[in-house]
PDB file of N, CA and C in Angstrom:
ATOM      1  N   MET A   1       6.981  34.097  31.461  1.00  0.00           N
ATOM      2  CA  MET A   1       5.480  34.130  31.748  1.00  0.00           C
ATOM      3  C   MET A   1       4.717  35.186  31.129  1.00  0.00           C
ATOM      4  N   SER A   2       3.645  34.592  30.341  1.00  0.00           N
ATOM      5  CA  SER A   2       2.778  35.550  29.807  1.00  0.00           C
ATOM      6  C   SER A   2       1.977  36.415  30.753  1.00  0.00           C
ATOM      7  N   ARG A   3       1.672  37.486  30.295  1.00  0.00           N
ATOM      8  CA  ARG A   3       0.908  38.592  31.025  1.00  0.00           C
ATOM      9  C   ARG A   3      -0.463  37.918  31.583  1.00  0.00           C
ATOM     10  N   ASP A   4      -1.022  37.160  30.834  1.00  0.00           N
ATOM     11  CA  ASP A   4      -2.275  36.408  31.380  1.00  0.00           C
ATOM     12  C   ASP A   4      -1.932  35.517  32.484  1.00  0.00           C
ATOM     13  N   GLN A   5      -0.902  34.666  32.274  1.00  0.00           N
ATOM     14  CA  GLN A   5      -0.488  33.664  33.322  1.00  0.00           C
ATOM     15  C   GLN A   5      -0.112  34.449  34.513  1.00  0.00           C
ATOM     16  N   GLN A   6       0.671  35.583  34.508  1.00  0.00           N
ATOM     17  CA  GLN A   6       0.935  36.302  35.655  1.00  0.00           C
ATOM     18  C   GLN A   6      -0.059  36.838  36.322  1.00  0.00           C
ATOM     19  N   LEU A   7      -1.069  37.481  35.635  1.00  0.00           N
ATOM     20  CA  LEU A   7      -2.313  37.948  36.290  1.00  0.00           C
ATOM     21  C   LEU A   7      -2.931  36.784  37.057  1.00  0.00           C
ATOM     22  N   LYS A   8      -3.086  35.752  36.328  1.00  0.00           N
ATOM     23  CA  LYS A   8      -3.768  34.561  37.041  1.00  0.00           C
ATOM     24  C   LYS A   8      -3.105  34.063  38.284  1.00  0.00           C
ATOM     25  N   GLN A   9      -1.818  34.066  38.212  1.00  0.00           N
ATOM     26  CA  GLN A   9      -1.005  33.723  39.407  1.00  0.00           C
ATOM     27  C   GLN A   9      -1.132  34.597  40.661  1.00  0.00           C
ATOM     28  N   ARG A  10      -1.102  35.862  40.152  1.00  0.00           N
ATOM     29  CA  ARG A  10      -1.233  36.924  41.147  1.00  0.00           C
ATOM     30  C   ARG A  10      -2.482  37.005  41.827  1.00  0.00           C
ATOM     31  N   TRP A  11      -3.622  36.814  40.848  1.00  0.00           N
ATOM     32  CA  TRP A  11      -5.079  36.898  41.385  1.00  0.00           C
ATOM     33  C   TRP A  11      -5.320  35.658  42.389  1.00  0.00           C
ATOM     34  N   GLU A  12      -4.789  34.643  41.968  1.00  0.00           N
ATOM     35  CA  GLU A  12      -4.927  33.358  42.848  1.00  0.00           C
ATOM     36  C   GLU A  12      -4.230  33.561  44.279  1.00  0.00           C
ATOM     37  N   GLN A  13      -3.090  34.242  44.214  1.00  0.00           N
ATOM     38  CA  GLN A  13      -2.390  34.535  45.394  1.00  0.00           C
ATOM     39  C   GLN A  13      -3.005  35.508  46.355  1.00  0.00           C
ATOM     40  N   LEU A  14      -3.594  36.418  45.649  1.00  0.00           N
ATOM     41  CA  LEU A  14      -4.358  37.532  46.279  1.00  0.00           C
ATOM     42  C   LEU A  14      -5.628  37.060  46.949  1.00  0.00           C
ATOM     43  N   VAL A  15      -6.367  36.081  46.202  1.00  0.00           N
ATOM     44  CA  VAL A  15      -7.642  35.659  46.777  1.00  0.00           C
ATOM     45  C   VAL A  15      -7.283  34.749  47.782  1.00  0.00           C
ATOM     46  N   ASN A  16      -6.141  34.013  47.794  1.00  0.00           N
ATOM     47  CA  ASN A  16      -5.772  33.024  48.894  1.00  0.00           C
ATOM     48  C   ASN A  16      -5.427  34.088  50.318  1.00  0.00           C
ATOM     49  N   ILE A  17      -4.702  35.003  50.092  1.00  0.00           N
ATOM     50  CA  ILE A  17      -4.371  35.916  51.301  1.00  0.00           C
ATOM     51  C   ILE A  17      -5.635  36.478  51.802  1.00  0.00           C
ATOM     52  N   LEU A  18      -6.442  37.018  50.956  1.00  0.00           N
ATOM     53  CA  LEU A  18      -7.673  37.773  51.572  1.00  0.00           C
ATOM     54  C   LEU A  18      -8.564  36.806  51.982  1.00  0.00           C
ATOM     55  N   SER A  19      -8.714  35.787  51.368  1.00  0.00           N
ATOM     56  CA  SER A  19      -9.598  34.719  51.956  1.00  0.00           C
ATOM     57  C   SER A  19      -9.373  34.193  53.293  1.00  0.00           C
ATOM     58  N   ASN A  20      -8.117  33.908  53.580  1.00  0.00           N
ATOM     59  CA  ASN A  20      -7.613  33.507  54.862  1.00  0.00           C
ATOM     60  C   ASN A  20      -7.792  34.557  56.023  1.00  0.00           C
ATOM     61  N   GLN A  21      -7.448  35.835  55.458  1.00  0.00           N
ATOM     62  CA  GLN A  21      -7.749  36.949  56.344  1.00  0.00           C
ATOM     63  C   GLN A  21      -9.106  37.255  56.685  1.00  0.00           C
ATOM     64  N   PHE A  22     -10.091  37.128  55.800  1.00  0.00           N
ATOM     65  CA  PHE A  22     -11.389  37.713  55.998  1.00  0.00           C
ATOM     66  C   PHE A  22     -12.511  36.641  55.951  1.00  0.00           C
ATOM     67  N   SER A  23     -12.318  35.546  55.585  1.00  0.00           N
ATOM     68  CA  SER A  23     -13.370  34.593  55.396  1.00  0.00           C
ATOM     69  C   SER A  23     -12.928  33.144  55.795  1.00  0.00           C
ATOM     70  N   GLN A  24     -12.084  32.976  56.740  1.00  0.00           N
ATOM     71  CA  GLN A  24     -11.558  31.687  57.207  1.00  0.00           C
ATOM     72  C   GLN A  24     -11.341  30.719  56.074  1.00  0.00           C
ATOM     73  N   GLY A  25     -10.724  31.199  55.076  1.00  0.00           N
ATOM     74  CA  GLY A  25     -10.316  30.291  54.010  1.00  0.00           C
ATOM     75  C   GLY A  25     -11.327  30.001  52.826  1.00  0.00           C
ATOM     76  N   GLU A  26     -12.533  30.325  53.126  1.00  0.00           N
ATOM     77  CA  GLU A  26     -13.445  30.258  51.898  1.00  0.00           C
ATOM     78  C   GLU A  26     -13.168  31.242  50.849  1.00  0.00           C
ATOM     79  N   ASP A  27     -13.020  30.927  49.595  1.00  0.00           N
ATOM     80  CA  ASP A  27     -12.481  31.909  48.582  1.00  0.00           C
ATOM     81  C   ASP A  27     -13.550  33.036  48.520  1.00  0.00           C
ATOM     82  N   LEU A  28     -13.079  34.171  48.587  1.00  0.00           N
ATOM     83  CA  LEU A  28     -13.735  35.520  48.224  1.00  0.00           C
ATOM     84  C   LEU A  28     -13.892  35.684  46.764  1.00  0.00           C
ATOM     85  N   ASP A  29     -15.078  36.066  46.281  1.00  0.00           N
ATOM     86  CA  ASP A  29     -15.310  36.268  44.933  1.00  0.00           C
ATOM     87  C   ASP A  29     -15.001  37.798  44.629  1.00  0.00           C
ATOM     88  N   LEU A  30     -14.988  38.112  43.272  1.00  0.00           N
ATOM     89  CA  LEU A  30     -14.669  39.444  42.881  1.00  0.00           C
ATOM     90  C   LEU A  30     -15.359  40.637  43.654  1.00  0.00           C
ATOM     91  N   ASP A  31     -16.705  40.350  43.834  1.00  0.00           N
ATOM     92  CA  ASP A  31     -17.465  41.457  44.414  1.00  0.00           C
ATOM     93  C   ASP A  31     -17.140  41.585  45.924  1.00  0.00           C
ATOM     94  N   ALA A  32     -16.688  40.390  46.561  1.00  0.00           N
ATOM     95  CA  ALA A  32     -16.413  40.601  48.020  1.00  0.00           C
ATOM     96  C   ALA A  32     -15.141  41.456  48.100  1.00  0.00           C
ATOM     97  N   ILE A  33     -14.238  41.228  47.257  1.00  0.00           N
ATOM     98  CA  ILE A  33     -12.737  41.897  47.134  1.00  0.00           C
ATOM     99  C   ILE A  33     -13.023  43.469  46.948  1.00  0.00           C
ATOM    100  N   ILE A  34     -14.065  43.511  45.953  1.00  0.00           N
ATOM    101  CA  ILE A  34     -14.220  45.065  45.564  1.00  0.00           C
ATOM    102  C   ILE A  34     -14.886  45.852  46.885  1.00  0.00           C
ATOM    103  N   TYR A  35     -15.686  44.989  47.514  1.00  0.00           N
ATOM    104  CA  TYR A  35     -16.198  45.498  48.769  1.00  0.00           C
ATOM    105  C   TYR A  35     -15.046  45.779  49.732  1.00  0.00           C
ATOM    106  N   LEU A  36     -14.259  44.965  50.015  1.00  0.00           N
ATOM    107  CA  LEU A  36     -13.170  45.126  51.016  1.00  0.00           C
ATOM    108  C   LEU A  36     -12.379  46.429  50.621  1.00  0.00           C
ATOM    109  N   ILE A  37     -12.149  46.532  49.270  1.00  0.00           N
ATOM    110  CA  ILE A  37     -11.203  47.670  48.930  1.00  0.00           C
ATOM    111  C   ILE A  37     -12.194  48.980  49.239  1.00  0.00           C
ATOM    112  N   GLY A  38     -13.495  49.032  48.994  1.00  0.00           N
ATOM    113  CA  GLY A  38     -14.223  50.190  49.263  1.00  0.00           C
ATOM    114  C   GLY A  38     -14.182  50.354  50.751  1.00  0.00           C
ATOM    115  N   VAL A  39     -14.178  49.479  51.656  1.00  0.00           N
ATOM    116  CA  VAL A  39     -14.073  49.759  53.101  1.00  0.00           C
ATOM    117  C   VAL A  39     -12.633  50.210  53.438  1.00  0.00           C
ATOM    118  N   GLN A  40     -11.762  49.773  52.820  1.00  0.00           N
ATOM    119  CA  GLN A  40     -10.302  50.187  52.911  1.00  0.00           C
ATOM    120  C   GLN A  40     -10.241  51.706  52.446  1.00  0.00           C
ATOM    121  N   GLU A  41     -10.714  51.876  51.390  1.00  0.00           N
ATOM    122  CA  GLU A  41     -10.735  53.424  50.851  1.00  0.00           C
ATOM    123  C   GLU A  41     -11.458  54.347  51.831  1.00  0.00           C
ATOM    124  N   LEU A  42     -12.596  53.864  52.373  1.00  0.00           N
ATOM    125  CA  LEU A  42     -13.433  54.707  53.168  1.00  0.00           C
ATOM    126  C   LEU A  42     -12.505  55.007  54.564  1.00  0.00           C
ATOM    127  N   GLY A  43     -11.897  53.895  54.912  1.00  0.00           N
ATOM    128  CA  GLY A  43     -11.082  53.957  56.166  1.00  0.00           C
ATOM    129  C   GLY A  43     -11.809  53.673  57.586  1.00  0.00           C
ATOM    130  N   LYS A  44     -13.108  53.167  57.316  1.00  0.00           N
ATOM    131  CA  LYS A  44     -13.864  52.964  58.480  1.00  0.00           C
ATOM    132  C   LYS A  44     -14.090  51.218  58.556  1.00  0.00           C
ATOM    133  N   VAL A  45     -13.048  50.720  58.866  1.00  0.00           N
ATOM    134  CA  VAL A  45     -12.982  49.200  58.807  1.00  0.00           C
ATOM    135  C   VAL A  45     -13.842  48.384  59.883  1.00  0.00           C
ATOM    136  N   HIS A  46     -14.194  49.014  60.916  1.00  0.00           N
ATOM    137  CA  HIS A  46     -14.966  48.433  61.985  1.00  0.00           C
ATOM    138  C   HIS A  46     -16.329  48.854  62.137  1.00  0.00           C
ATOM    139  N   GLN A  47     -16.776  49.394  61.058  1.00  0.00           N
ATOM    140  CA  GLN A  47     -18.125  49.884  61.103  1.00  0.00           C
ATOM    141  C   GLN A  47     -19.110  48.923  60.304  1.00  0.00           C
ATOM    142  N   LYS A  48     -20.434  48.778  60.872  1.00  0.00           N
ATOM    143  CA  LYS A  48     -21.273  48.017  60.011  1.00  0.00           C
ATOM    144  C   LYS A  48     -22.028  49.089  59.059  1.00  0.00           C
ATOM    145  N   PHE A  49     -22.403  48.418  57.981  1.00  0.00           N
ATOM    146  CA  PHE A  49     -22.901  49.216  56.850  1.00  0.00           C
ATOM    147  C   PHE A  49     -24.272  48.702  56.446  1.00  0.00           C
ATOM    148  N   LYS A  50     -25.181  49.617  56.082  1.00  0.00           N
ATOM    149  CA  LYS A  50     -26.395  49.413  55.413  1.00  0.00           C
ATOM    150  C   LYS A  50     -26.323  48.846  54.097  1.00  0.00           C
ATOM    151  N   LYS A  51     -27.343  48.289  53.484  1.00  0.00           N
ATOM    152  CA  LYS A  51     -27.275  47.781  52.115  1.00  0.00           C
ATOM    153  C   LYS A  51     -26.811  48.768  51.210  1.00  0.00           C
ATOM    154  N   ASP A  52     -27.503  50.014  51.178  1.00  0.00           N
ATOM    155  CA  ASP A  52     -27.094  51.165  50.290  1.00  0.00           C
ATOM    156  C   ASP A  52     -25.721  51.584  50.366  1.00  0.00           C
ATOM    157  N   GLU A  53     -25.225  51.696  51.716  1.00  0.00           N
ATOM    158  CA  GLU A  53     -23.854  51.938  51.998  1.00  0.00           C
ATOM    159  C   GLU A  53     -22.733  50.886  51.224  1.00  0.00           C
ATOM    160  N   LYS A  54     -23.252  49.592  51.414  1.00  0.00           N
ATOM    161  CA  LYS A  54     -22.458  48.661  50.856  1.00  0.00           C
ATOM    162  C   LYS A  54     -22.322  48.845  49.201  1.00  0.00           C
ATOM    163  N   LEU A  55     -23.423  49.315  48.604  1.00  0.00           N
ATOM    164  CA  LEU A  55     -23.320  49.485  47.121  1.00  0.00           C
ATOM    165  C   LEU A  55     -22.437  50.720  46.991  1.00  0.00           C
ATOM    166  N   ASN A  56     -22.460  51.737  47.734  1.00  0.00           N
ATOM    167  CA  ASN A  56     -21.714  52.834  47.691  1.00  0.00           C
ATOM    168  C   ASN A  56     -20.122  52.613  47.927  1.00  0.00           C
ATOM    169  N   LEU A  57     -19.956  51.611  48.837  1.00  0.00           N
ATOM    170  CA  LEU A  57     -18.437  51.174  48.926  1.00  0.00           C
ATOM    171  C   LEU A  57     -17.856  50.603  47.701  1.00  0.00           C
ATOM    172  N   MET A  58     -18.821  49.604  47.155  1.00  0.00           N
ATOM    173  CA  MET A  58     -18.433  48.972  45.981  1.00  0.00           C
ATOM    174  C   MET A  58     -18.030  50.105  44.826  1.00  0.00           C
ATOM    175  N   HIS A  59     -18.918  51.052  44.799  1.00  0.00           N
ATOM    176  CA  HIS A  59     -18.759  52.188  43.818  1.00  0.00           C
ATOM    177  C   HIS A  59     -17.460  52.984  43.997  1.00  0.00           C
ATOM    178  N   ILE A  60     -17.185  53.307  45.288  1.00  0.00           N
ATOM    179  CA  ILE A  60     -15.940  53.888  45.587  1.00  0.00           C
ATOM    180  C   ILE A  60     -14.636  53.051  45.282  1.00  0.00           C
ATOM    181  N   ALA A  61     -14.818  51.802  45.400  1.00  0.00           N
ATOM    182  CA  ALA A  61     -13.665  50.767  45.014  1.00  0.00           C
ATOM    183  C   ALA A  61     -13.421  50.794  43.619  1.00  0.00           C
ATOM    184  N   ILE A  62     -14.603  50.650  42.900  1.00  0.00           N
ATOM    185  CA  ILE A  62     -14.605  50.672  41.440  1.00  0.00           C
ATOM    186  C   ILE A  62     -13.816  52.019  40.802  1.00  0.00           C
ATOM    187  N   CYS A  63     -14.266  53.113  41.422  1.00  0.00           N
ATOM    188  CA  CYS A  63     -13.771  54.342  40.911  1.00  0.00           C
ATOM    189  C   CYS A  63     -12.174  54.416  41.317  1.00  0.00           C
ATOM    190  N   ARG A  64     -11.959  53.981  42.418  1.00  0.00           N
ATOM    191  CA  ARG A  64     -10.425  54.056  42.851  1.00  0.00           C
ATOM    192  C   ARG A  64      -9.608  53.060  41.997  1.00  0.00           C
ATOM    193  N   LEU A  65     -10.155  51.823  41.685  1.00  0.00           N
ATOM    194  CA  LEU A  65      -9.394  50.868  40.913  1.00  0.00           C
ATOM    195  C   LEU A  65      -9.174  51.199  39.491  1.00  0.00           C
ATOM    196  N   LEU A  66     -10.221  52.056  38.991  1.00  0.00           N
ATOM    197  CA  LEU A  66     -10.132  52.522  37.555  1.00  0.00           C
ATOM    198  C   LEU A  66      -9.617  53.856  37.434  1.00  0.00           C
ATOM    199  N   GLU A  67      -9.341  54.417  38.496  1.00  0.00           N
ATOM    200  CA  GLU A  67      -8.669  55.880  38.436  1.00  0.00           C
ATOM    201  C   GLU A  67      -7.293  55.819  37.620  1.00  0.00           C
ATOM    202  N   PRO A  68      -6.471  54.855  37.914  1.00  0.00           N
ATOM    203  CA  PRO A  68      -5.209  54.869  37.202  1.00  0.00           C
ATOM    204  C   PRO A  68      -5.394  54.547  35.721  1.00  0.00           C
ATOM    205  N   TYR A  69      -6.582  54.030  35.351  1.00  0.00           N
ATOM    206  CA  TYR A  69      -6.730  53.788  33.829  1.00  0.00           C
ATOM    207  C   TYR A  69      -7.416  55.143  33.141  1.00  0.00           C
ATOM    208  N   GLY A  70      -7.631  56.091  33.879  1.00  0.00           N
ATOM    209  CA  GLY A  70      -8.036  57.424  33.382  1.00  0.00           C
ATOM    210  C   GLY A  70      -9.562  57.512  33.326  1.00  0.00           C
ATOM    211  N   TYR A  71     -10.291  56.634  33.935  1.00  0.00           N
ATOM    212  CA  TYR A  71     -11.685  56.612  33.763  1.00  0.00           C
ATOM    213  C   TYR A  71     -12.362  57.458  34.817  1.00  0.00           C
ATOM    214  N   TYR A  72     -11.787  57.659  36.075  1.00  0.00           N
ATOM    215  CA  TYR A  72     -12.322  58.326  37.141  1.00  0.00           C
ATOM    216  C   TYR A  72     -11.072  59.161  37.675  1.00  0.00           C
ATOM    217  N   GLU A  73     -11.550  60.242  38.343  1.00  0.00           N
ATOM    218  CA  GLU A  73     -10.649  61.131  39.010  1.00  0.00           C
ATOM    219  C   GLU A  73     -11.154  61.352  40.461  1.00  0.00           C
ATOM    220  N   PHE A  74     -10.246  61.291  41.606  1.00  0.00           N
ATOM    221  CA  PHE A  74     -10.727  61.752  42.740  1.00  0.00           C
ATOM    222  C   PHE A  74     -11.032  63.192  42.891  1.00  0.00           C
ATOM    223  N   ASP A  75     -12.351  63.501  43.461  1.00  0.00           N
ATOM    224  CA  ASP A  75     -12.769  64.860  43.574  1.00  0.00           C
ATOM    225  C   ASP A  75     -12.458  65.546  44.849  1.00  0.00           C
ATOM    226  N   TYR A  76     -13.251  64.828  45.873  1.00  0.00           N
ATOM    227  CA  TYR A  76     -13.265  65.439  47.257  1.00  0.00           C
ATOM    228  C   TYR A  76     -13.821  64.361  48.134  1.00  0.00           C
ATOM    229  N   PHE A  77     -13.603  64.740  49.629  1.00  0.00           N
ATOM    230  CA  PHE A  77     -14.210  63.815  50.593  1.00  0.00           C
ATOM    231  C   PHE A  77     -15.378  64.688  51.168  1.00  0.00           C
ATOM    232  N   ASP A  78     -16.554  64.134  51.306  1.00  0.00           N
ATOM    233  CA  ASP A  78     -17.788  64.909  51.842  1.00  0.00           C
ATOM    234  C   ASP A  78     -17.499  65.005  53.417  1.00  0.00           C
ATOM    235  N   THR A  79     -18.554  65.723  54.043  1.00  0.00           N
ATOM    236  CA  THR A  79     -18.495  65.897  55.498  1.00  0.00           C
ATOM    237  C   THR A  79     -18.478  64.577  56.276  1.00  0.00           C
ATOM    238  N   GLU A  80     -18.947  63.501  55.702  1.00  0.00           N
ATOM    239  CA  GLU A  80     -18.799  62.114  56.578  1.00  0.00           C
ATOM    240  C   GLU A  80     -17.641  61.424  56.136  1.00  0.00           C
ATOM    241  N   GLY A  81     -16.608  62.021  55.418  1.00  0.00           N
ATOM    242  CA  GLY A  81     -15.427  61.228  54.987  1.00  0.00           C
ATOM    243  C   GLY A  81     -15.495  60.316  53.874  1.00  0.00           C
ATOM    244  N   TRP A  82     -16.664  60.318  53.137  1.00  0.00           N
ATOM    245  CA  TRP A  82     -16.794  59.515  51.924  1.00  0.00           C
ATOM    246  C   TRP A  82     -16.147  60.116  50.746  1.00  0.00           C
ATOM    247  N   PRO A  83     -15.173  59.389  50.005  1.00  0.00           N
ATOM    248  CA  PRO A  83     -14.654  59.972  48.841  1.00  0.00           C
ATOM    249  C   PRO A  83     -15.481  60.030  47.732  1.00  0.00           C
ATOM    250  N   HIS A  84     -15.545  61.038  46.873  1.00  0.00           N
ATOM    251  CA  HIS A  84     -16.238  61.237  45.649  1.00  0.00           C
ATOM    252  C   HIS A  84     -15.322  61.251  44.484  1.00  0.00           C
ATOM    253  N   TYR A  85     -15.771  60.812  43.438  1.00  0.00           N
ATOM    254  CA  TYR A  85     -14.921  60.730  42.097  1.00  0.00           C
ATOM    255  C   TYR A  85     -15.827  61.366  40.841  1.00  0.00           C
ATOM    256  N   THR A  86     -15.111  61.872  40.028  1.00  0.00           N
ATOM    257  CA  THR A  86     -15.844  62.409  38.760  1.00  0.00           C
ATOM    258  C   THR A  86     -15.335  61.562  37.700  1.00  0.00           C
ATOM    259  N   VAL A  87     -16.257  61.203  36.715  1.00  0.00           N
ATOM    260  CA  VAL A  87     -15.972  60.355  35.432  1.00  0.00           C
ATOM    261  C   VAL A  87     -15.115  61.320  34.612  1.00  0.00           C
ATOM    262  N   LYS A  88     -14.023  60.873  34.171  1.00  0.00           N
ATOM    263  CA  LYS A  88     -13.211  61.453  33.216  1.00  0.00           C
ATOM    264  C   LYS A  88     -13.344  60.942  31.757  1.00  0.00           C
ATOM    265  N   GLU A  89     -13.576  59.647  31.744  1.00  0.00           N
ATOM    266  CA  GLU A  89     -13.849  59.002  30.429  1.00  0.00           C
ATOM    267  C   GLU A  89     -14.808  57.839  30.593  1.00  0.00           C
ATOM    268  N   GLU A  90     -15.836  57.797  29.769  1.00  0.00           N
ATOM    269  CA  GLU A  90     -16.812  56.540  29.907  1.00  0.00           C
ATOM    270  C   GLU A  90     -15.999  55.311  29.613  1.00  0.00           C
ATOM    271  N   LEU A  91     -16.355  54.218  30.358  1.00  0.00           N
ATOM    272  CA  LEU A  91     -15.690  52.914  30.017  1.00  0.00           C
ATOM    273  C   LEU A  91     -16.260  52.347  28.653  1.00  0.00           C
ATOM    274  N   PRO A  92     -15.433  51.824  27.976  1.00  0.00           N
ATOM    275  CA  PRO A  92     -15.923  51.312  26.726  1.00  0.00           C
ATOM    276  C   PRO A  92     -16.849  50.074  26.884  1.00  0.00           C
ATOM    277  N   PRO A  93     -17.676  49.657  25.901  1.00  0.00           N
ATOM    278  CA  PRO A  93     -18.542  48.536  26.087  1.00  0.00           C
ATOM    279  C   PRO A  93     -17.667  47.389  26.199  1.00  0.00           C
ATOM    280  N   LEU A  94     -17.679  46.580  27.330  1.00  0.00           N
ATOM    281  CA  LEU A  94     -17.072  45.398  27.529  1.00  0.00           C
ATOM    282  C   LEU A  94     -17.929  44.124  27.700  1.00  0.00           C
ATOM    283  N   LYS A  95     -17.456  43.035  27.147  1.00  0.00           N
ATOM    284  CA  LYS A  95     -18.075  41.683  27.415  1.00  0.00           C
ATOM    285  C   LYS A  95     -17.982  41.390  28.958  1.00  0.00           C
ATOM    286  N   ALA A  96     -18.710  40.591  29.474  1.00  0.00           N
ATOM    287  CA  ALA A  96     -18.608  40.251  30.923  1.00  0.00           C
ATOM    288  C   ALA A  96     -17.184  39.738  31.239  1.00  0.00           C
ATOM    289  N   GLY A  97     -16.499  38.775  30.400  1.00  0.00           N
ATOM    290  CA  GLY A  97     -15.250  38.140  30.563  1.00  0.00           C
ATOM    291  C   GLY A  97     -14.225  39.395  30.586  1.00  0.00           C
ATOM    292  N   GLU A  98     -14.349  40.210  29.500  1.00  0.00           N
ATOM    293  CA  GLU A  98     -13.422  41.369  29.581  1.00  0.00           C
ATOM    294  C   GLU A  98     -13.387  42.422  30.856  1.00  0.00           C
ATOM    295  N   GLN A  99     -14.730  42.647  31.133  1.00  0.00           N
ATOM    296  CA  GLN A  99     -14.892  43.475  32.318  1.00  0.00           C
ATOM    297  C   GLN A  99     -14.308  42.726  33.589  1.00  0.00           C
ATOM    298  N   SER A 100     -14.461  41.362  33.709  1.00  0.00           N
ATOM    299  CA  SER A 100     -13.896  40.735  34.812  1.00  0.00           C
ATOM    300  C   SER A 100     -12.477  40.782  34.763  1.00  0.00           C
ATOM    301  N   VAL A 101     -11.652  40.508  33.613  1.00  0.00           N
ATOM    302  CA  VAL A 101     -10.234  40.629  33.529  1.00  0.00           C
ATOM    303  C   VAL A 101      -9.754  42.080  33.772  1.00  0.00           C
ATOM    304  N   LEU A 102     -10.442  43.204  33.432  1.00  0.00           N
ATOM    305  CA  LEU A 102     -10.057  44.506  33.714  1.00  0.00           C
ATOM    306  C   LEU A 102     -10.013  44.760  35.234  1.00  0.00           C
ATOM    307  N   MET A 103     -11.118  44.224  35.882  1.00  0.00           N
ATOM    308  CA  MET A 103     -11.213  44.461  37.188  1.00  0.00           C
ATOM    309  C   MET A 103     -10.171  43.604  38.093  1.00  0.00           C
ATOM    310  N   LYS A 104     -10.030  42.427  37.622  1.00  0.00           N
ATOM    311  CA  LYS A 104      -9.024  41.577  38.324  1.00  0.00           C
ATOM    312  C   LYS A 104      -7.592  42.204  38.203  1.00  0.00           C
ATOM    313  N   GLU A 105      -7.170  42.752  36.909  1.00  0.00           N
ATOM    314  CA  GLU A 105      -6.095  43.433  36.702  1.00  0.00           C
ATOM    315  C   GLU A 105      -5.845  44.670  37.657  1.00  0.00           C
ATOM    316  N   ALA A 106      -6.977  45.371  37.837  1.00  0.00           N
ATOM    317  CA  ALA A 106      -6.889  46.647  38.433  1.00  0.00           C
ATOM    318  C   ALA A 106      -6.772  46.346  39.972  1.00  0.00           C
ATOM    319  N   ILE A 107      -7.465  45.265  40.372  1.00  0.00           N
ATOM    320  CA  ILE A 107      -7.458  44.745  41.848  1.00  0.00           C
ATOM    321  C   ILE A 107      -5.845  44.412  42.099  1.00  0.00           C
ATOM    322  N   VAL A 108      -5.314  43.523  41.206  1.00  0.00           N
ATOM    323  CA  VAL A 108      -3.927  43.081  41.445  1.00  0.00           C
ATOM    324  C   VAL A 108      -3.106  44.323  41.497  1.00  0.00           C
ATOM    325  N   ASN A 109      -3.052  45.251  40.651  1.00  0.00           N
ATOM    326  CA  ASN A 109      -2.240  46.361  40.719  1.00  0.00           C
ATOM    327  C   ASN A 109      -2.379  47.255  41.960  1.00  0.00           C
ATOM    328  N   TYR A 110      -3.606  47.241  42.530  1.00  0.00           N
ATOM    329  CA  TYR A 110      -4.030  48.070  43.556  1.00  0.00           C
ATOM    330  C   TYR A 110      -3.234  47.301  44.904  1.00  0.00           C
ATOM    331  N   PHE A 111      -3.123  45.984  44.938  1.00  0.00           N
ATOM    332  CA  PHE A 111      -2.500  45.382  45.893  1.00  0.00           C
ATOM    333  C   PHE A 111      -0.968  45.151  45.782  1.00  0.00           C
ATOM    334  N   LEU A 112      -0.659  45.294  44.587  1.00  0.00           N
ATOM    335  CA  LEU A 112       0.834  45.336  44.149  1.00  0.00           C
ATOM    336  C   LEU A 112       1.333  46.775  44.770  1.00  0.00           C
ATOM    337  N   GLU A 113       0.613  47.724  44.524  1.00  0.00           N
ATOM    338  CA  GLU A 113       1.039  49.114  45.017  1.00  0.00           C
ATOM    339  C   GLU A 113       1.168  49.029  46.545  1.00  0.00           C
ATOM    340  N   ARG A 114       0.312  48.292  47.108  1.00  0.00           N
ATOM    341  CA  ARG A 114       0.365  48.335  48.565  1.00  0.00           C
ATOM    342  C   ARG A 114       1.343  47.081  49.139  1.00  0.00           C
ATOM    343  N   GLN A 115       1.942  46.498  48.411  1.00  0.00           N
ATOM    344  CA  GLN A 115       3.036  45.488  48.669  1.00  0.00           C
ATOM    345  C   GLN A 115       2.301  44.325  49.398  1.00  0.00           C
ATOM    346  N   VAL A 116       1.037  43.806  49.025  1.00  0.00           N
ATOM    347  CA  VAL A 116       0.308  42.827  49.660  1.00  0.00           C
ATOM    348  C   VAL A 116       0.854  41.614  48.919  1.00  0.00           C
ATOM    349  N   ILE A 117       1.019  41.688  47.696  1.00  0.00           N
ATOM    350  CA  ILE A 117       1.492  40.608  46.806  1.00  0.00           C
ATOM    351  C   ILE A 117       2.624  41.130  46.006  1.00  0.00           C
ATOM    352  N   GLU A 118       3.582  40.197  45.380  1.00  0.00           N
ATOM    353  CA  GLU A 118       4.495  40.638  44.560  1.00  0.00           C
ATOM    354  C   GLU A 118       4.304  40.235  43.053  1.00  0.00           C
TER     355      GLU A 118
END
């Protein structure tokens, strides 16, 4: 199986699992999954968040997801428990499709590490 086919299969499996768990089976989109990862990384899963906090959660997720690729590095937790990252390397300019594939690959790897998918 090619790398692209394997990524597609794993992505569909992951969307199915998360959608059944968090949205009564309605497919979650990429942004929703990034948001869930941010909540997971913050560790405050039963808290309600304001709009700006939701954006910050997505930023946390993106930093965490791209950390293994060398773009970000964890720095510290602030007094409220929010993780902070520093930029190690700027992301190269990517077309929308390339950006989507990179994020899907990073998300799949994140959930492979946590043994949510195989």
